[in-house]
């Protein structure tokens, strides 16, 4: 676990907790660390989520399949980020999405029932953990609302600008996108070739500059 100490310090659910407090509460939460190979499934659509997960290394993809077998990429989860927290808080019996590894990954699973209820030792910082969880769920709802706003737009240029604008909020004009072109096209609900063509036009028009997954808003 020591090798992931730096990542765990960045996890939002542990905000305002010191190293000793974080280590203590991880013991209380009944954590489990797992290695997941690329394309390995962590949570399958239809299953009941029982754990909140933290990505320690690698990336995860949250996807949704329709009845025709078409797959939509909902989100990419990077190291230090959580997944399944909204599903657990909502108490869903069946997950509407599948969570799988976009590349070889290490994850930590936290039992949601132990997050929700204070432990027998009544840790004084468990209340802060619950407050952090509620904040994260609210932020997740805002993220999904922004995603819906993007998907309902027909113009690829507007999709790109809305997406990059949301990423840039509070971070400056230089942005690293957590997708390759195929992943970005899937996230925006656009054809890859059409997206690549529009990105070149936007660069020519002076709206953006980019190299691979690094973008600059002009």
C-alpha atoms as a PDB file:
ATOM      1  CA  UNK A   1       0.000   0.000   0.000  1.00  0.00           C
ATOM      2  CA  UNK A   2       2.952   2.326   0.596  1.00  0.00           C
ATOM      3  CA  UNK A   3       3.572   2.562  -3.166  1.00  0.00           C
ATOM      4  CA  UNK A   4       0.147   4.210  -3.591  1.00  0.00           C
ATOM      5  CA  UNK A   5       0.443   6.613  -0.650  1.00  0.00           C
ATOM      6  CA  UNK A   6       0.939   9.608  -2.946  1.00  0.00           C
ATOM      7  CA  UNK A   7      -2.200   8.729  -4.935  1.00  0.00           C
ATOM      8  CA  UNK A   8      -4.318   8.215  -1.822  1.00  0.00           C
ATOM      9  CA  UNK A   9      -3.385  11.695  -0.610  1.00  0.00           C
ATOM     10  CA  UNK A  10      -5.130  13.132  -3.683  1.00  0.00           C
ATOM     11  CA  UNK A  11      -8.391  11.195  -3.276  1.00  0.00           C
ATOM     12  CA  UNK A  12     -11.249  13.620  -2.633  1.00  0.00           C
ATOM     13  CA  UNK A  13     -13.066  11.354  -0.200  1.00  0.00           C
ATOM     14  CA  UNK A  14     -10.091  11.701   2.176  1.00  0.00           C
ATOM     15  CA  UNK A  15      -9.910  15.514   1.930  1.00  0.00           C
ATOM     16  CA  UNK A  16      -8.910  17.227   5.205  1.00  0.00           C
ATOM     17  CA  UNK A  17      -7.709  13.925   6.685  1.00  0.00           C
ATOM     18  CA  UNK A  18      -4.091  13.495   7.775  1.00  0.00           C
ATOM     19  CA  UNK A  19      -1.917  10.491   6.949  1.00  0.00           C
ATOM     20  CA  UNK A  20      -2.590   8.744  10.266  1.00  0.00           C
ATOM     21  CA  UNK A  21      -6.344   9.417  10.056  1.00  0.00           C
ATOM     22  CA  UNK A  22      -6.493   8.138   6.475  1.00  0.00           C
ATOM     23  CA  UNK A  23      -4.587   4.963   7.359  1.00  0.00           C
ATOM     24  CA  UNK A  24      -6.883   4.335  10.339  1.00  0.00           C
ATOM     25  CA  UNK A  25     -10.073   4.829   8.379  1.00  0.00           C
ATOM     26  CA  UNK A  26      -8.882   2.582   5.548  1.00  0.00           C
ATOM     27  CA  UNK A  27      -8.590  -0.206   8.094  1.00  0.00           C
ATOM     28  CA  UNK A  28     -12.140   0.498   9.299  1.00  0.00           C
ATOM     29  CA  UNK A  29     -13.588   0.472   5.785  1.00  0.00           C
ATOM     30  CA  UNK A  30     -12.586  -3.086   4.960  1.00  0.00           C
ATOM     31  CA  UNK A  31     -10.537  -2.199   1.900  1.00  0.00           C
ATOM     32  CA  UNK A  32      -9.531  -4.644  -0.816  1.00  0.00           C
ATOM     33  CA  UNK A  33      -6.862  -3.974  -3.437  1.00  0.00           C
ATOM     34  CA  UNK A  34      -7.113  -5.700  -6.811  1.00  0.00           C
ATOM     35  CA  UNK A  35      -5.156  -5.871 -10.048  1.00  0.00           C
ATOM     36  CA  UNK A  36      -7.416  -5.702 -13.103  1.00  0.00           C
ATOM     37  CA  UNK A  37      -6.104  -6.518 -16.606  1.00  0.00           C
ATOM     38  CA  UNK A  38      -7.052  -4.415 -19.619  1.00  0.00           C
ATOM     39  CA  UNK A  39     -10.736  -4.960 -20.519  1.00  0.00           C
ATOM     40  CA  UNK A  40     -11.296  -6.768 -17.216  1.00  0.00           C
ATOM     41  CA  UNK A  41     -14.770  -6.092 -15.803  1.00  0.00           C
ATOM     42  CA  UNK A  42     -15.027  -4.646 -12.292  1.00  0.00           C
ATOM     43  CA  UNK A  43     -18.767  -4.003 -12.209  1.00  0.00           C
ATOM     44  CA  UNK A  44     -21.131  -5.406 -14.816  1.00  0.00           C
ATOM     45  CA  UNK A  45     -24.416  -3.790 -15.828  1.00  0.00           C
ATOM     46  CA  UNK A  46     -27.212  -5.568 -13.952  1.00  0.00           C
ATOM     47  CA  UNK A  47     -25.111  -6.264 -10.869  1.00  0.00           C
ATOM     48  CA  UNK A  48     -25.758  -4.598  -7.516  1.00  0.00           C
ATOM     49  CA  UNK A  49     -22.886  -2.282  -6.566  1.00  0.00           C
ATOM     50  CA  UNK A  50     -21.633  -2.798  -3.029  1.00  0.00           C
ATOM     51  CA  UNK A  51     -18.267  -1.026  -3.145  1.00  0.00           C
ATOM     52  CA  UNK A  52     -16.971   2.439  -3.859  1.00  0.00           C
ATOM     53  CA  UNK A  53     -13.763   2.129  -5.848  1.00  0.00           C
ATOM     54  CA  UNK A  54     -10.578   4.171  -6.080  1.00  0.00           C
ATOM     55  CA  UNK A  55      -8.249   3.947  -9.069  1.00  0.00           C
ATOM     56  CA  UNK A  56      -4.662   3.556  -7.867  1.00  0.00           C
ATOM     57  CA  UNK A  57      -3.045   3.142 -11.287  1.00  0.00           C
ATOM     58  CA  UNK A  58      -4.179   2.786 -14.884  1.00  0.00           C
ATOM     59  CA  UNK A  59      -7.570   3.974 -16.078  1.00  0.00           C
ATOM     60  CA  UNK A  60     -11.119   2.627 -16.005  1.00  0.00           C
ATOM     61  CA  UNK A  61     -13.877   3.100 -18.565  1.00  0.00           C
ATOM     62  CA  UNK A  62     -17.509   3.473 -17.563  1.00  0.00           C
ATOM     63  CA  UNK A  63     -19.613   2.329 -20.512  1.00  0.00           C
ATOM     64  CA  UNK A  64     -23.257   1.744 -21.357  1.00  0.00           C
ATOM     65  CA  UNK A  65     -24.455  -0.792 -23.934  1.00  0.00           C
ATOM     66  CA  UNK A  66     -27.802  -0.429 -25.703  1.00  0.00           C
ATOM     67  CA  UNK A  67     -30.093  -3.238 -26.885  1.00  0.00           C
ATOM     68  CA  UNK A  68     -28.415  -3.257 -30.299  1.00  0.00           C
ATOM     69  CA  UNK A  69     -24.995  -3.837 -28.793  1.00  0.00           C
ATOM     70  CA  UNK A  70     -23.743  -0.293 -29.342  1.00  0.00           C
ATOM     71  CA  UNK A  71     -21.412   0.890 -26.597  1.00  0.00           C
ATOM     72  CA  UNK A  72     -21.243   4.466 -25.316  1.00  0.00           C
ATOM     73  CA  UNK A  73     -18.303   5.674 -23.262  1.00  0.00           C
ATOM     74  CA  UNK A  74     -19.715   7.560 -20.277  1.00  0.00           C
ATOM     75  CA  UNK A  75     -16.517   8.452 -18.448  1.00  0.00           C
ATOM     76  CA  UNK A  76     -12.841   7.662 -17.974  1.00  0.00           C
ATOM     77  CA  UNK A  77     -11.667   7.301 -14.370  1.00  0.00           C
ATOM     78  CA  UNK A  78      -8.033   8.222 -13.706  1.00  0.00           C
ATOM     79  CA  UNK A  79      -5.727   7.490 -10.729  1.00  0.00           C
ATOM     80  CA  UNK A  80      -6.950   9.180  -7.552  1.00  0.00           C
ATOM     81  CA  UNK A  81     -10.563   9.270  -8.762  1.00  0.00           C
ATOM     82  CA  UNK A  82     -13.546   7.314  -7.464  1.00  0.00           C
ATOM     83  CA  UNK A  83     -16.139   5.209  -9.240  1.00  0.00           C
ATOM     84  CA  UNK A  84     -19.539   3.725  -8.324  1.00  0.00           C
ATOM     85  CA  UNK A  85     -20.077   6.240  -5.504  1.00  0.00           C
ATOM     86  CA  UNK A  86     -23.265   7.651  -7.010  1.00  0.00           C
ATOM     87  CA  UNK A  87     -24.635   4.164  -7.688  1.00  0.00           C
ATOM     88  CA  UNK A  88     -24.010   3.100  -4.093  1.00  0.00           C
ATOM     89  CA  UNK A  89     -25.508   6.274  -2.630  1.00  0.00           C
ATOM     90  CA  UNK A  90     -28.585   5.872  -4.837  1.00  0.00           C
ATOM     91  CA  UNK A  91     -29.040   2.329  -3.567  1.00  0.00           C
ATOM     92  CA  UNK A  92     -29.604   0.924  -7.064  1.00  0.00           C
ATOM     93  CA  UNK A  93     -30.292  -2.795  -7.256  1.00  0.00           C
ATOM     94  CA  UNK A  94     -28.845  -3.106 -10.755  1.00  0.00           C
ATOM     95  CA  UNK A  95     -26.051  -0.991 -12.170  1.00  0.00           C
ATOM     96  CA  UNK A  96     -27.059   0.655 -15.472  1.00  0.00           C
ATOM     97  CA  UNK A  97     -23.412   0.807 -16.556  1.00  0.00           C
ATOM     98  CA  UNK A  98     -20.384  -1.449 -16.807  1.00  0.00           C
ATOM     99  CA  UNK A  99     -17.029  -0.503 -15.304  1.00  0.00           C
ATOM    100  CA  UNK A 100     -13.991  -2.064 -16.966  1.00  0.00           C
ATOM    101  CA  UNK A 101     -10.269  -1.456 -17.195  1.00  0.00           C
ATOM    102  CA  UNK A 102      -9.185   0.708 -20.115  1.00  0.00           C
ATOM    103  CA  UNK A 103      -5.650  -0.543 -19.448  1.00  0.00           C
ATOM    104  CA  UNK A 104      -3.997  -2.682 -16.783  1.00  0.00           C
ATOM    105  CA  UNK A 105      -5.067  -1.108 -13.504  1.00  0.00           C
ATOM    106  CA  UNK A 106      -4.831  -1.355  -9.750  1.00  0.00           C
ATOM    107  CA  UNK A 107      -7.946  -0.463  -7.783  1.00  0.00           C
ATOM    108  CA  UNK A 108      -9.010  -0.227  -4.159  1.00  0.00           C
ATOM    109  CA  UNK A 109     -12.532  -1.219  -3.147  1.00  0.00           C
ATOM    110  CA  UNK A 110     -14.198   0.301  -0.075  1.00  0.00           C
ATOM    111  CA  UNK A 111     -17.295  -1.283   1.439  1.00  0.00           C
ATOM    112  CA  UNK A 112     -20.083   1.257   1.086  1.00  0.00           C
ATOM    113  CA  UNK A 113     -21.953   0.071   4.178  1.00  0.00           C
ATOM    114  CA  UNK A 114     -18.885   0.914   6.256  1.00  0.00           C
ATOM    115  CA  UNK A 115     -18.620   4.362   4.676  1.00  0.00           C
ATOM    116  CA  UNK A 116     -22.266   5.122   5.376  1.00  0.00           C
ATOM    117  CA  UNK A 117     -22.264   4.021   9.008  1.00  0.00           C
ATOM    118  CA  UNK A 118     -19.722   5.093  11.593  1.00  0.00           C
ATOM    119  CA  UNK A 119     -17.459   2.342  12.825  1.00  0.00           C
ATOM    120  CA  UNK A 120     -17.757   0.817  16.342  1.00  0.00           C
ATOM    121  CA  UNK A 121     -14.735   2.808  17.498  1.00  0.00           C
ATOM    122  CA  UNK A 122     -16.602   6.016  16.534  1.00  0.00           C
ATOM    123  CA  UNK A 123     -13.705   7.618  14.651  1.00  0.00           C
ATOM    124  CA  UNK A 124     -14.029  11.397  15.096  1.00  0.00           C
ATOM    125  CA  UNK A 125     -13.128  11.911  11.419  1.00  0.00           C
ATOM    126  CA  UNK A 126     -15.705   9.502   9.959  1.00  0.00           C
ATOM    127  CA  UNK A 127     -18.221  12.341   9.801  1.00  0.00           C
ATOM    128  CA  UNK A 128     -15.807  14.220   7.536  1.00  0.00           C
ATOM    129  CA  UNK A 129     -15.601  11.150   5.312  1.00  0.00           C
ATOM    130  CA  UNK A 130     -19.396  11.142   4.913  1.00  0.00           C
ATOM    131  CA  UNK A 131     -19.422  14.884   4.182  1.00  0.00           C
ATOM    132  CA  UNK A 132     -16.783  14.361   1.494  1.00  0.00           C
ATOM    133  CA  UNK A 133     -18.840  11.553  -0.045  1.00  0.00           C
ATOM    134  CA  UNK A 134     -21.964  13.716  -0.273  1.00  0.00           C
ATOM    135  CA  UNK A 135     -19.949  16.472  -1.960  1.00  0.00           C
ATOM    136  CA  UNK A 136     -18.516  13.998  -4.469  1.00  0.00           C
ATOM    137  CA  UNK A 137     -21.956  12.652  -5.380  1.00  0.00           C
ATOM    138  CA  UNK A 138     -23.211  16.209  -5.968  1.00  0.00           C
ATOM    139  CA  UNK A 139     -20.191  16.907  -8.198  1.00  0.00           C
ATOM    140  CA  UNK A 140     -20.856  13.683 -10.106  1.00  0.00           C
ATOM    141  CA  UNK A 141     -24.410  14.805 -10.812  1.00  0.00           C
ATOM    142  CA  UNK A 142     -23.106  18.103 -12.206  1.00  0.00           C
ATOM    143  CA  UNK A 143     -20.618  16.197 -14.369  1.00  0.00           C
ATOM    144  CA  UNK A 144     -23.362  13.995 -15.804  1.00  0.00           C
ATOM    145  CA  UNK A 145     -25.538  17.038 -16.480  1.00  0.00           C
ATOM    146  CA  UNK A 146     -22.661  18.590 -18.424  1.00  0.00           C
ATOM    147  CA  UNK A 147     -22.263  15.339 -20.355  1.00  0.00           C
ATOM    148  CA  UNK A 148     -25.946  15.364 -21.301  1.00  0.00           C
ATOM    149  CA  UNK A 149     -25.609  18.989 -22.441  1.00  0.00           C
ATOM    150  CA  UNK A 150     -22.755  17.912 -24.720  1.00  0.00           C
ATOM    151  CA  UNK A 151     -24.558  14.900 -26.184  1.00  0.00           C
ATOM    152  CA  UNK A 152     -27.686  16.883 -27.064  1.00  0.00           C
ATOM    153  CA  UNK A 153     -25.676  19.316 -29.235  1.00  0.00           C
ATOM    154  CA  UNK A 154     -25.404  18.448 -32.943  1.00  0.00           C
ATOM    155  CA  UNK A 155     -22.393  20.624 -33.795  1.00  0.00           C
ATOM    156  CA  UNK A 156     -19.079  18.837 -33.191  1.00  0.00           C
ATOM    157  CA  UNK A 157     -17.364  22.200 -32.747  1.00  0.00           C
ATOM    158  CA  UNK A 158     -19.750  23.195 -29.966  1.00  0.00           C
ATOM    159  CA  UNK A 159     -19.350  19.749 -28.356  1.00  0.00           C
ATOM    160  CA  UNK A 160     -15.567  20.166 -28.296  1.00  0.00           C
ATOM    161  CA  UNK A 161     -15.680  23.719 -26.943  1.00  0.00           C
ATOM    162  CA  UNK A 162     -18.129  22.808 -24.194  1.00  0.00           C
ATOM    163  CA  UNK A 163     -16.070  19.804 -23.191  1.00  0.00           C
ATOM    164  CA  UNK A 164     -12.739  21.635 -23.186  1.00  0.00           C
ATOM    165  CA  UNK A 165     -14.309  24.628 -21.464  1.00  0.00           C
ATOM    166  CA  UNK A 166     -15.580  22.429 -18.637  1.00  0.00           C
ATOM    167  CA  UNK A 167     -12.143  20.816 -18.236  1.00  0.00           C
ATOM    168  CA  UNK A 168     -10.420  24.204 -18.273  1.00  0.00           C
ATOM    169  CA  UNK A 169     -12.619  25.720 -15.548  1.00  0.00           C
ATOM    170  CA  UNK A 170     -10.296  26.778 -12.770  1.00  0.00           C
ATOM    171  CA  UNK A 171      -7.271  25.108 -14.413  1.00  0.00           C
ATOM    172  CA  UNK A 172      -6.157  27.540 -17.095  1.00  0.00           C
ATOM    173  CA  UNK A 173      -6.085  27.264 -20.878  1.00  0.00           C
ATOM    174  CA  UNK A 174      -3.796  24.217 -21.121  1.00  0.00           C
ATOM    175  CA  UNK A 175      -5.694  20.948 -20.789  1.00  0.00           C
ATOM    176  CA  UNK A 176      -4.803  17.277 -20.892  1.00  0.00           C
ATOM    177  CA  UNK A 177      -7.722  15.195 -22.181  1.00  0.00           C
ATOM    178  CA  UNK A 178      -7.958  11.666 -20.690  1.00  0.00           C
ATOM    179  CA  UNK A 179      -8.800  10.125 -24.088  1.00  0.00           C
ATOM    180  CA  UNK A 180      -7.180   9.211 -27.357  1.00  0.00           C
ATOM    181  CA  UNK A 181      -9.062  10.341 -30.493  1.00  0.00           C
ATOM    182  CA  UNK A 182     -11.243   7.248 -30.565  1.00  0.00           C
ATOM    183  CA  UNK A 183     -12.151   7.655 -26.913  1.00  0.00           C
ATOM    184  CA  UNK A 184     -12.833  11.373 -27.285  1.00  0.00           C
ATOM    185  CA  UNK A 185     -15.094  10.721 -30.277  1.00  0.00           C
ATOM    186  CA  UNK A 186     -17.018   8.108 -28.288  1.00  0.00           C
ATOM    187  CA  UNK A 187     -17.364  10.465 -25.326  1.00  0.00           C
ATOM    188  CA  UNK A 188     -18.646  13.318 -27.498  1.00  0.00           C
ATOM    189  CA  UNK A 189     -20.973  11.083 -29.497  1.00  0.00           C
ATOM    190  CA  UNK A 190     -19.231  11.845 -32.797  1.00  0.00           C
ATOM    191  CA  UNK A 191     -17.588   9.887 -35.615  1.00  0.00           C
ATOM    192  CA  UNK A 192     -13.821   9.736 -35.187  1.00  0.00           C
ATOM    193  CA  UNK A 193     -13.064  10.957 -38.723  1.00  0.00           C
ATOM    194  CA  UNK A 194     -15.548  13.818 -38.401  1.00  0.00           C
ATOM    195  CA  UNK A 195     -14.039  14.814 -35.049  1.00  0.00           C
ATOM    196  CA  UNK A 196     -10.483  14.784 -36.425  1.00  0.00           C
ATOM    197  CA  UNK A 197     -11.575  16.913 -39.371  1.00  0.00           C
ATOM    198  CA  UNK A 198     -13.317  19.440 -37.111  1.00  0.00           C
ATOM    199  CA  UNK A 199     -10.322  19.643 -34.756  1.00  0.00           C
ATOM    200  CA  UNK A 200      -8.092  20.552 -37.698  1.00  0.00           C
ATOM    201  CA  UNK A 201     -10.565  23.257 -38.762  1.00  0.00           C
ATOM    202  CA  UNK A 202     -10.728  24.627 -35.198  1.00  0.00           C
ATOM    203  CA  UNK A 203      -6.936  24.753 -35.054  1.00  0.00           C
ATOM    204  CA  UNK A 204      -6.828  26.539 -38.413  1.00  0.00           C
ATOM    205  CA  UNK A 205      -9.459  29.013 -37.202  1.00  0.00           C
ATOM    206  CA  UNK A 206      -7.348  29.826 -34.147  1.00  0.00           C
ATOM    207  CA  UNK A 207      -9.789  28.458 -31.557  1.00  0.00           C
ATOM    208  CA  UNK A 208      -7.517  25.746 -30.201  1.00  0.00           C
ATOM    209  CA  UNK A 209      -4.102  24.195 -30.552  1.00  0.00           C
ATOM    210  CA  UNK A 210      -3.320  20.585 -29.750  1.00  0.00           C
ATOM    211  CA  UNK A 211      -0.785  17.813 -29.871  1.00  0.00           C
ATOM    212  CA  UNK A 212      -2.147  14.326 -29.231  1.00  0.00           C
ATOM    213  CA  UNK A 213      -4.255  14.662 -26.042  1.00  0.00           C
ATOM    214  CA  UNK A 214      -2.883  18.023 -24.919  1.00  0.00           C
ATOM    215  CA  UNK A 215      -5.037  21.025 -25.880  1.00  0.00           C
ATOM    216  CA  UNK A 216      -4.707  24.785 -25.534  1.00  0.00           C
ATOM    217  CA  UNK A 217      -7.733  27.074 -25.684  1.00  0.00           C
ATOM    218  CA  UNK A 218      -6.959  30.265 -27.602  1.00  0.00           C
END
